[in-house]
Amino acid sequence: VTQDILETGNASLMLQELYKVDIEHTLV
């Protein structure tokens, strides 16, 4: 993701809608 999404008014695209993470792992 680049800052272009901010300049075009698409800040809602900075993150995906959903992340699934096993509790024995790392969220990055």
PDB file of all heavy atoms in Angstrom:
ATOM      1  N   VAL A   1       0.863  -1.180   0.000  1.00  0.00           N
ATOM      2  CA  VAL A   1       0.000   0.000   0.000  1.00  0.00           C
ATOM      3  C   VAL A   1       0.897   1.227   0.000  1.00  0.00           C
ATOM      4  O   VAL A   1       1.832   1.329   0.788  1.00  0.00           O
ATOM      5  CB  VAL A   1      -0.914   0.001   1.252  1.00  0.00           C
ATOM      6  CG1 VAL A   1      -1.744   1.267   1.299  1.00  0.00           C
ATOM      7  CG2 VAL A   1      -1.799  -1.223   1.251  1.00  0.00           C
ATOM      8  N   THR A   2       0.614   2.172  -0.888  1.00  0.00           N
ATOM      9  CA  THR A   2       1.402   3.405  -0.957  1.00  0.00           C
ATOM     10  C   THR A   2       0.547   4.580  -0.520  1.00  0.00           C
ATOM     11  O   THR A   2      -0.675   4.460  -0.381  1.00  0.00           O
ATOM     12  CB  THR A   2       1.904   3.646  -2.401  1.00  0.00           C
ATOM     13  OG1 THR A   2       0.767   3.882  -3.234  1.00  0.00           O
ATOM     14  CG2 THR A   2       2.692   2.454  -2.920  1.00  0.00           C
ATOM     15  N   GLN A   3       1.193   5.728  -0.343  1.00  0.00           N
ATOM     16  CA  GLN A   3       0.452   6.911   0.080  1.00  0.00           C
ATOM     17  C   GLN A   3      -0.459   7.439  -1.021  1.00  0.00           C
ATOM     18  O   GLN A   3      -1.288   8.310  -0.775  1.00  0.00           O
ATOM     19  CB  GLN A   3       1.392   8.009   0.599  1.00  0.00           C
ATOM     20  CG  GLN A   3       2.315   8.580  -0.430  1.00  0.00           C
ATOM     21  CD  GLN A   3       3.645   7.874  -0.462  1.00  0.00           C
ATOM     22  OE1 GLN A   3       3.756   6.723  -0.099  1.00  0.00           O
ATOM     23  NE2 GLN A   3       4.662   8.573  -0.916  1.00  0.00           N
ATOM     24  N   ASP A   4      -0.360   6.879  -2.235  1.00  0.00           N
ATOM     25  CA  ASP A   4      -1.269   7.279  -3.319  1.00  0.00           C
ATOM     26  C   ASP A   4      -2.725   7.079  -2.916  1.00  0.00           C
ATOM     27  O   ASP A   4      -3.596   7.836  -3.343  1.00  0.00           O
ATOM     28  CB  ASP A   4      -0.982   6.473  -4.593  1.00  0.00           C
ATOM     29  CG  ASP A   4       0.391   6.774  -5.176  1.00  0.00           C
ATOM     30  OD1 ASP A   4       1.012   7.767  -4.746  1.00  0.00           O
ATOM     31  OD2 ASP A   4       0.836   6.006  -6.042  1.00  0.00           O
ATOM     32  N   ILE A   5      -2.992   6.044  -2.124  1.00  0.00           N
ATOM     33  CA  ILE A   5      -4.377   5.804  -1.724  1.00  0.00           C
ATOM     34  C   ILE A   5      -4.902   6.928  -0.835  1.00  0.00           C
ATOM     35  O   ILE A   5      -6.092   7.204  -0.832  1.00  0.00           O
ATOM     36  CB  ILE A   5      -4.571   4.434  -1.036  1.00  0.00           C
ATOM     37  CG1 ILE A   5      -3.823   4.357   0.264  1.00  0.00           C
ATOM     38  CG2 ILE A   5      -4.201   3.306  -1.960  1.00  0.00           C
ATOM     39  CD1 ILE A   5      -4.188   3.154   1.089  1.00  0.00           C
ATOM     40  N   LEU A   6      -4.002   7.587  -0.112  1.00  0.00           N
ATOM     41  CA  LEU A   6      -4.421   8.714   0.718  1.00  0.00           C
ATOM     42  C   LEU A   6      -4.720   9.926  -0.151  1.00  0.00           C
ATOM     43  O   LEU A   6      -5.694  10.646   0.081  1.00  0.00           O
ATOM     44  CB  LEU A   6      -3.350   9.032   1.753  1.00  0.00           C
ATOM     45  CG  LEU A   6      -2.997   7.892   2.715  1.00  0.00           C
ATOM     46  CD1 LEU A   6      -1.834   8.290   3.607  1.00  0.00           C
ATOM     47  CD2 LEU A   6      -4.197   7.486   3.539  1.00  0.00           C
ATOM     48  N   GLU A   7      -3.892  10.162  -1.151  1.00  0.00           N
ATOM     49  CA  GLU A   7      -4.077  11.313  -2.032  1.00  0.00           C
ATOM     50  C   GLU A   7      -5.336  11.182  -2.876  1.00  0.00           C
ATOM     51  O   GLU A   7      -5.927  12.182  -3.270  1.00  0.00           O
ATOM     52  CB  GLU A   7      -2.844  11.489  -2.919  1.00  0.00           C
ATOM     53  CG  GLU A   7      -1.622  11.905  -2.115  1.00  0.00           C
ATOM     54  CD  GLU A   7      -0.334  11.912  -2.927  1.00  0.00           C
ATOM     55  OE1 GLU A   7      -0.342  11.465  -4.085  1.00  0.00           O
ATOM     56  OE2 GLU A   7       0.680  12.362  -2.373  1.00  0.00           O
ATOM     57  N   THR A   8      -5.752   9.954  -3.164  1.00  0.00           N
ATOM     58  CA  THR A   8      -6.954   9.741  -3.978  1.00  0.00           C
ATOM     59  C   THR A   8      -8.206   9.551  -3.119  1.00  0.00           C
ATOM     60  O   THR A   8      -9.271   9.239  -3.643  1.00  0.00           O
ATOM     61  CB  THR A   8      -6.781   8.514  -4.895  1.00  0.00           C
ATOM     62  OG1 THR A   8      -6.513   7.363  -4.094  1.00  0.00           O
ATOM     63  CG2 THR A   8      -5.676   8.738  -5.905  1.00  0.00           C
ATOM     64  N   GLY A   9      -8.081   9.719  -1.801  1.00  0.00           N
ATOM     65  CA  GLY A   9      -9.236   9.621  -0.915  1.00  0.00           C
ATOM     66  C   GLY A   9      -9.666   8.203  -0.603  1.00  0.00           C
ATOM     67  O   GLY A   9     -10.819   7.974  -0.239  1.00  0.00           O
ATOM     68  N   ASN A  10      -8.765   7.257  -0.750  1.00  0.00           N
ATOM     69  CA  ASN A  10      -9.091   5.848  -0.498  1.00  0.00           C
ATOM     70  C   ASN A  10      -8.418   5.313   0.767  1.00  0.00           C
ATOM     71  O   ASN A  10      -7.893   4.201   0.778  1.00  0.00           O
ATOM     72  CB  ASN A  10      -8.683   4.988  -1.695  1.00  0.00           C
ATOM     73  CG  ASN A  10      -9.503   5.286  -2.918  1.00  0.00           C
ATOM     74  OD1 ASN A  10     -10.713   5.474  -2.821  1.00  0.00           O
ATOM     75  ND2 ASN A  10      -8.865   5.353  -4.071  1.00  0.00           N
ATOM     76  N   ALA A  11      -8.471   6.078   1.826  1.00  0.00           N
ATOM     77  CA  ALA A  11      -7.826   5.659   3.078  1.00  0.00           C
ATOM     78  C   ALA A  11      -8.408   4.362   3.616  1.00  0.00           C
ATOM     79  O   ALA A  11      -7.743   3.629   4.344  1.00  0.00           O
ATOM     80  CB  ALA A  11      -7.953   6.756   4.125  1.00  0.00           C
ATOM     81  N   SER A  12      -9.628   4.055   3.219  1.00  0.00           N
ATOM     82  CA  SER A  12     -10.258   2.814   3.695  1.00  0.00           C
ATOM     83  C   SER A  12      -9.606   1.580   3.085  1.00  0.00           C
ATOM     84  O   SER A  12      -9.949   0.459   3.444  1.00  0.00           O
ATOM     85  CB  SER A  12     -11.748   2.821   3.368  1.00  0.00           C
ATOM     86  OG  SER A  12     -11.935   2.855   1.962  1.00  0.00           O
ATOM     87  N   LEU A  13      -8.643   1.770   2.193  1.00  0.00           N
ATOM     88  CA  LEU A  13      -7.926   0.645   1.587  1.00  0.00           C
ATOM     89  C   LEU A  13      -6.565   0.393   2.235  1.00  0.00           C
ATOM     90  O   LEU A  13      -5.802  -0.444   1.757  1.00  0.00           O
ATOM     91  CB  LEU A  13      -7.746   0.891   0.082  1.00  0.00           C
ATOM     92  CG  LEU A  13      -9.031   1.041  -0.727  1.00  0.00           C
ATOM     93  CD1 LEU A  13      -8.711   1.369  -2.172  1.00  0.00           C
ATOM     94  CD2 LEU A  13      -9.874  -0.220  -0.632  1.00  0.00           C
ATOM     95  N   MET A  14      -6.252   1.123   3.313  1.00  0.00           N
ATOM     96  CA  MET A  14      -4.957   0.909   3.968  1.00  0.00           C
ATOM     97  C   MET A  14      -4.863  -0.496   4.542  1.00  0.00           C
ATOM     98  O   MET A  14      -3.798  -1.110   4.544  1.00  0.00           O
ATOM     99  CB  MET A  14      -4.723   1.940   5.080  1.00  0.00           C
ATOM    100  CG  MET A  14      -4.456   3.332   4.574  1.00  0.00           C
ATOM    101  SD  MET A  14      -3.897   4.461   5.883  1.00  0.00           S
ATOM    102  CE  MET A  14      -5.347   4.592   6.915  1.00  0.00           C
ATOM    103  N   LEU A  15      -5.973  -1.000   5.055  1.00  0.00           N
ATOM    104  CA  LEU A  15      -6.010  -2.337   5.645  1.00  0.00           C
ATOM    105  C   LEU A  15      -7.013  -3.194   4.886  1.00  0.00           C
ATOM    106  O   LEU A  15      -7.961  -2.683   4.299  1.00  0.00           O
ATOM    107  CB  LEU A  15      -6.442  -2.259   7.119  1.00  0.00           C
ATOM    108  CG  LEU A  15      -5.566  -1.450   8.066  1.00  0.00           C
ATOM    109  CD1 LEU A  15      -6.219  -1.369   9.441  1.00  0.00           C
ATOM    110  CD2 LEU A  15      -4.179  -2.045   8.161  1.00  0.00           C
ATOM    111  N   GLN A  16      -6.808  -4.511   4.950  1.00  0.00           N
ATOM    112  CA  GLN A  16      -7.815  -5.412   4.416  1.00  0.00           C
ATOM    113  C   GLN A  16      -8.994  -5.413   5.382  1.00  0.00           C
ATOM    114  O   GLN A  16      -8.896  -4.933   6.511  1.00  0.00           O
ATOM    115  CB  GLN A  16      -7.259  -6.822   4.309  1.00  0.00           C
ATOM    116  CG  GLN A  16      -6.172  -6.969   3.283  1.00  0.00           C
ATOM    117  CD  GLN A  16      -5.711  -8.413   3.186  1.00  0.00           C
ATOM    118  OE1 GLN A  16      -6.397  -9.342   3.592  1.00  0.00           O
ATOM    119  NE2 GLN A  16      -4.531  -8.595   2.646  1.00  0.00           N
ATOM    120  N   GLU A  17     -10.103  -5.992   4.970  1.00  0.00           N
ATOM    121  CA  GLU A  17     -11.273  -6.028   5.847  1.00  0.00           C
ATOM    122  C   GLU A  17     -11.094  -6.988   7.010  1.00  0.00           C
ATOM    123  O   GLU A  17     -11.628  -6.767   8.086  1.00  0.00           O
ATOM    124  CB  GLU A  17     -12.517  -6.426   5.049  1.00  0.00           C
ATOM    125  CG  GLU A  17     -12.966  -5.365   4.078  1.00  0.00           C
ATOM    126  CD  GLU A  17     -14.218  -5.775   3.332  1.00  0.00           C
ATOM    127  OE1 GLU A  17     -14.995  -6.598   3.855  1.00  0.00           O
ATOM    128  OE2 GLU A  17     -14.417  -5.259   2.228  1.00  0.00           O
ATOM    129  N   LEU A  18     -10.337  -8.076   6.798  1.00  0.00           N
ATOM    130  CA  LEU A  18     -10.241  -9.141   7.788  1.00  0.00           C
ATOM    131  C   LEU A  18      -8.854  -9.752   7.807  1.00  0.00           C
ATOM    132  O   LEU A  18      -8.259  -9.991   6.756  1.00  0.00           O
ATOM    133  CB  LEU A  18     -11.272 -10.239   7.439  1.00  0.00           C
ATOM    134  CG  LEU A  18     -11.301 -11.472   8.319  1.00  0.00           C
ATOM    135  CD1 LEU A  18     -11.905 -11.147   9.677  1.00  0.00           C
ATOM    136  CD2 LEU A  18     -12.106 -12.574   7.636  1.00  0.00           C
ATOM    137  N   TYR A  19      -8.359  -9.999   9.013  1.00  0.00           N
ATOM    138  CA  TYR A  19      -7.102 -10.720   9.206  1.00  0.00           C
ATOM    139  C   TYR A  19      -7.361 -11.864  10.175  1.00  0.00           C
ATOM    140  O   TYR A  19      -7.989 -11.655  11.213  1.00  0.00           O
ATOM    141  CB  TYR A  19      -6.019  -9.807   9.795  1.00  0.00           C
ATOM    142  CG  TYR A  19      -5.639  -8.663   8.890  1.00  0.00           C
ATOM    143  CD1 TYR A  19      -6.225  -7.411   9.035  1.00  0.00           C
ATOM    144  CD2 TYR A  19      -4.708  -8.838   7.874  1.00  0.00           C
ATOM    145  CE1 TYR A  19      -5.883  -6.359   8.206  1.00  0.00           C
ATOM    146  CE2 TYR A  19      -4.358  -7.791   7.040  1.00  0.00           C
ATOM    147  CZ  TYR A  19      -4.947  -6.555   7.209  1.00  0.00           C
ATOM    148  OH  TYR A  19      -4.610  -5.515   6.375  1.00  0.00           O
ATOM    149  N   LYS A  20      -6.874 -13.056   9.842  1.00  0.00           N
ATOM    150  CA  LYS A  20      -6.995 -14.225  10.725  1.00  0.00           C
ATOM    151  C   LYS A  20      -5.596 -14.630  11.145  1.00  0.00           C
ATOM    152  O   LYS A  20      -4.741 -14.862  10.298  1.00  0.00           O
ATOM    153  CB  LYS A  20      -7.658 -15.392   9.998  1.00  0.00           C
ATOM    154  CG  LYS A  20      -9.075 -15.134   9.575  1.00  0.00           C
ATOM    155  CD  LYS A  20      -9.622 -16.336   8.830  1.00  0.00           C
ATOM    156  CE  LYS A  20     -11.006 -16.058   8.290  1.00  0.00           C
ATOM    157  NZ  LYS A  20     -11.512 -17.191   7.495  1.00  0.00           N
ATOM    158  N   VAL A  21      -5.389 -14.730  12.464  1.00  0.00           N
ATOM    159  CA  VAL A  21      -4.058 -15.036  12.976  1.00  0.00           C
ATOM    160  C   VAL A  21      -4.160 -16.077  14.086  1.00  0.00           C
ATOM    161  O   VAL A  21      -4.947 -15.918  15.024  1.00  0.00           O
ATOM    162  CB  VAL A  21      -3.357 -13.765  13.520  1.00  0.00           C
ATOM    163  CG1 VAL A  21      -1.973 -14.088  14.043  1.00  0.00           C
ATOM    164  CG2 VAL A  21      -3.287 -12.693  12.443  1.00  0.00           C
ATOM    165  N   ASP A  22      -3.372 -17.123  13.976  1.00  0.00           N
ATOM    166  CA  ASP A  22      -3.234 -18.126  15.034  1.00  0.00           C
ATOM    167  C   ASP A  22      -2.543 -17.453  16.223  1.00  0.00           C
ATOM    168  O   ASP A  22      -1.574 -16.702  16.031  1.00  0.00           O
ATOM    169  CB  ASP A  22      -2.391 -19.292  14.509  1.00  0.00           C
ATOM    170  CG  ASP A  22      -2.255 -20.438  15.484  1.00  0.00           C
ATOM    171  OD1 ASP A  22      -1.992 -20.191  16.682  1.00  0.00           O
ATOM    172  OD2 ASP A  22      -2.377 -21.585  15.050  1.00  0.00           O
ATOM    173  N   ILE A  23      -2.996 -17.720  17.427  1.00  0.00           N
ATOM    174  CA  ILE A  23      -2.439 -17.032  18.606  1.00  0.00           C
ATOM    175  C   ILE A  23      -1.004 -17.434  18.921  1.00  0.00           C
ATOM    176  O   ILE A  23      -0.375 -16.826  19.786  1.00  0.00           O
ATOM    177  CB  ILE A  23      -3.317 -17.226  19.857  1.00  0.00           C
ATOM    178  CG1 ILE A  23      -3.445 -18.704  20.213  1.00  0.00           C
ATOM    179  CG2 ILE A  23      -4.655 -16.552  19.678  1.00  0.00           C
ATOM    180  CD1 ILE A  23      -4.071 -18.951  21.571  1.00  0.00           C
ATOM    181  N   GLU A  24      -0.473 -18.424  18.231  1.00  0.00           N
ATOM    182  CA  GLU A  24       0.929 -18.803  18.429  1.00  0.00           C
ATOM    183  C   GLU A  24       1.846 -18.113  17.426  1.00  0.00           C
ATOM    184  O   GLU A  24       3.034 -18.398  17.372  1.00  0.00           O
ATOM    185  CB  GLU A  24       1.087 -20.323  18.321  1.00  0.00           C
ATOM    186  CG  GLU A  24       0.276 -21.098  19.337  1.00  0.00           C
ATOM    187  CD  GLU A  24       0.584 -20.727  20.789  1.00  0.00           C
ATOM    188  OE1 GLU A  24       1.743 -20.384  21.101  1.00  0.00           O
ATOM    189  OE2 GLU A  24      -0.350 -20.766  21.615  1.00  0.00           O
ATOM    190  N   HIS A  25       1.302 -17.208  16.618  1.00  0.00           N
ATOM    191  CA  HIS A  25       2.065 -16.545  15.572  1.00  0.00           C
ATOM    192  C   HIS A  25       2.187 -15.051  15.819  1.00  0.00           C
ATOM    193  O   HIS A  25       1.753 -14.546  16.849  1.00  0.00           O
ATOM    194  CB  HIS A  25       1.427 -16.815  14.212  1.00  0.00           C
ATOM    195  CG  HIS A  25       1.486 -18.253  13.809  1.00  0.00           C
ATOM    196  ND1 HIS A  25       0.459 -18.889  13.186  1.00  0.00           N
ATOM    197  CD2 HIS A  25       2.451 -19.188  13.966  1.00  0.00           C
ATOM    198  CE1 HIS A  25       0.780 -20.148  12.960  1.00  0.00           C
ATOM    199  NE2 HIS A  25       1.980 -20.357  13.435  1.00  0.00           N
ATOM    200  N   THR A  26       2.748 -14.364  14.838  1.00  0.00           N
ATOM    201  CA  THR A  26       2.970 -12.921  14.914  1.00  0.00           C
ATOM    202  C   THR A  26       2.070 -12.203  13.926  1.00  0.00           C
ATOM    203  O   THR A  26       1.928 -12.633  12.788  1.00  0.00           O
ATOM    204  CB  THR A  26       4.448 -12.594  14.581  1.00  0.00           C
ATOM    205  OG1 THR A  26       5.292 -13.291  15.500  1.00  0.00           O
ATOM    206  CG2 THR A  26       4.729 -11.112  14.671  1.00  0.00           C
ATOM    207  N   LEU A  27       1.469 -11.121  14.366  1.00  0.00           N
ATOM    208  CA  LEU A  27       0.695 -10.253  13.488  1.00  0.00           C
ATOM    209  C   LEU A  27       1.628  -9.157  12.994  1.00  0.00           C
ATOM    210  O   LEU A  27       2.224  -8.442  13.797  1.00  0.00           O
ATOM    211  CB  LEU A  27      -0.481  -9.633  14.248  1.00  0.00           C
ATOM    212  CG  LEU A  27      -1.259  -8.539  13.514  1.00  0.00           C
ATOM    213  CD1 LEU A  27      -1.963  -9.102  12.282  1.00  0.00           C
ATOM    214  CD2 LEU A  27      -2.261  -7.886  14.452  1.00  0.00           C
ATOM    215  N   VAL A  28       1.777  -9.040  11.672  1.00  0.00           N
ATOM    216  CA  VAL A  28       2.619  -7.998  11.084  1.00  0.00           C
ATOM    217  C   VAL A  28       1.810  -7.276  10.019  1.00  0.00           C
ATOM    218  O   VAL A  28       1.363  -7.885   9.047  1.00  0.00           O
ATOM    219  CB  VAL A  28       3.902  -8.587  10.442  1.00  0.00           C
ATOM    220  CG1 VAL A  28       4.744  -7.477   9.830  1.00  0.00           C
ATOM    221  CG2 VAL A  28       4.709  -9.371  11.455  1.00  0.00           C
TER     222      VAL A  28
END
